Amino acid sequence: MSVKQHCRSDWLSLRIQSLEA
């Protein structure tokens, strides 16, 4: 479960970075 949550966080971080870029 923790791994899945971490994966989701990474995906969100990538989306945010893309938007900020």
PDB file of N, CA and C in Angstrom:
ATOM      1  N   MET A   1       0.838  -1.206   0.000  1.00  0.00           N
ATOM      2  CA  MET A   1       0.000   0.000   0.000  1.00  0.00           C
ATOM      3  C   MET A   1       0.872   1.254   0.000  1.00  0.00           C
ATOM      4  N   SER A   2       1.860   1.238   0.834  1.00  0.00           N
ATOM      5  CA  SER A   2       2.753   2.408   0.925  1.00  0.00           C
ATOM      6  C   SER A   2       3.407   2.670  -0.438  1.00  0.00           C
ATOM      7  N   VAL A   3       3.827   1.599  -1.063  1.00  0.00           N
ATOM      8  CA  VAL A   3       4.484   1.752  -2.366  1.00  0.00           C
ATOM      9  C   VAL A   3       3.527   2.388  -3.366  1.00  0.00           C
ATOM     10  N   LYS A   4       2.271   1.943  -3.340  1.00  0.00           N
ATOM     11  CA  LYS A   4       1.281   2.494  -4.279  1.00  0.00           C
ATOM     12  C   LYS A   4       1.078   3.975  -4.010  1.00  0.00           C
ATOM     13  N   GLN A   5       0.988   4.330  -2.752  1.00  0.00           N
ATOM     14  CA  GLN A   5       0.790   5.747  -2.412  1.00  0.00           C
ATOM     15  C   GLN A   5       1.992   6.557  -2.883  1.00  0.00           C
ATOM     16  N   HIS A   6       3.180   6.009  -2.712  1.00  0.00           N
ATOM     17  CA  HIS A   6       4.397   6.712  -3.113  1.00  0.00           C
ATOM     18  C   HIS A   6       4.393   6.906  -4.634  1.00  0.00           C
ATOM     19  N   CYS A   7       3.961   5.883  -5.343  1.00  0.00           N
ATOM     20  CA  CYS A   7       3.908   5.966  -6.810  1.00  0.00           C
ATOM     21  C   CYS A   7       2.958   7.091  -7.215  1.00  0.00           C
ATOM     22  N   ARG A   8       1.851   7.174  -6.501  1.00  0.00           N
ATOM     23  CA  ARG A   8       0.848   8.194  -6.827  1.00  0.00           C
ATOM     24  C   ARG A   8       1.464   9.573  -6.558  1.00  0.00           C
ATOM     25  N   SER A   9       2.184   9.691  -5.485  1.00  0.00           N
ATOM     26  CA  SER A   9       2.791  10.980  -5.124  1.00  0.00           C
ATOM     27  C   SER A   9       3.777  11.388  -6.227  1.00  0.00           C
ATOM     28  N   ASP A  10       4.531  10.420  -6.709  1.00  0.00           N
ATOM     29  CA  ASP A  10       5.507  10.692  -7.758  1.00  0.00           C
ATOM     30  C   ASP A  10       4.792  11.180  -9.019  1.00  0.00           C
ATOM     31  N   TRP A  11       3.678  10.517  -9.335  1.00  0.00           N
ATOM     32  CA  TRP A  11       2.912  10.891 -10.533  1.00  0.00           C
ATOM     33  C   TRP A  11       2.379  12.307 -10.384  1.00  0.00           C
ATOM     34  N   LEU A  12       1.887  12.610  -9.201  1.00  0.00           N
ATOM     35  CA  LEU A  12       1.347  13.954  -8.958  1.00  0.00           C
ATOM     36  C   LEU A  12       2.468  14.980  -9.054  1.00  0.00           C
ATOM     37  N   SER A  13       3.603  14.638  -8.505  1.00  0.00           N
ATOM     38  CA  SER A  13       4.751  15.553  -8.529  1.00  0.00           C
ATOM     39  C   SER A  13       5.144  15.839  -9.984  1.00  0.00           C
ATOM     40  N   LEU A  14       5.121  14.801 -10.793  1.00  0.00           N
ATOM     41  CA  LEU A  14       5.489  14.969 -12.199  1.00  0.00           C
ATOM     42  C   LEU A  14       4.494  15.891 -12.897  1.00  0.00           C
ATOM     43  N   ARG A  15       3.224  15.719 -12.581  1.00  0.00           N
ATOM     44  CA  ARG A  15       2.169  16.544 -13.205  1.00  0.00           C
ATOM     45  C   ARG A  15       2.364  17.995 -12.773  1.00  0.00           C
ATOM     46  N   ILE A  16       2.633  18.211 -11.521  1.00  0.00           N
ATOM     47  CA  ILE A  16       2.815  19.572 -11.005  1.00  0.00           C
ATOM     48  C   ILE A  16       4.040  20.202 -11.668  1.00  0.00           C
ATOM     49  N   GLN A  17       5.106  19.424 -11.789  1.00  0.00           N
ATOM     50  CA  GLN A  17       6.326  19.954 -12.410  1.00  0.00           C
ATOM     51  C   GLN A  17       6.048  20.335 -13.862  1.00  0.00           C
ATOM     52  N   SER A  18       5.262  19.510 -14.530  1.00  0.00           N
ATOM     53  CA  SER A  18       4.936  19.771 -15.940  1.00  0.00           C
ATOM     54  C   SER A  18       4.143  21.076 -16.049  1.00  0.00           C
ATOM     55  N   LEU A  19       3.238  21.269 -15.111  1.00  0.00           N
ATOM     56  CA  LEU A  19       2.413  22.481 -15.139  1.00  0.00           C
ATOM     57  C   LEU A  19       3.265  23.706 -14.804  1.00  0.00           C
ATOM     58  N   GLU A  20       4.184  23.538 -13.858  1.00  0.00           N
ATOM     59  CA  GLU A  20       5.030  24.677 -13.462  1.00  0.00           C
ATOM     60  C   GLU A  20       6.059  24.980 -14.542  1.00  0.00           C
ATOM     61  N   ALA A  21       6.516  23.936 -15.236  1.00  0.00           N
ATOM     62  CA  ALA A  21       7.544  24.114 -16.261  1.00  0.00           C
ATOM     63  C   ALA A  21       7.110  25.143 -17.305  1.00  0.00           C
TER      64      ALA A  21
END
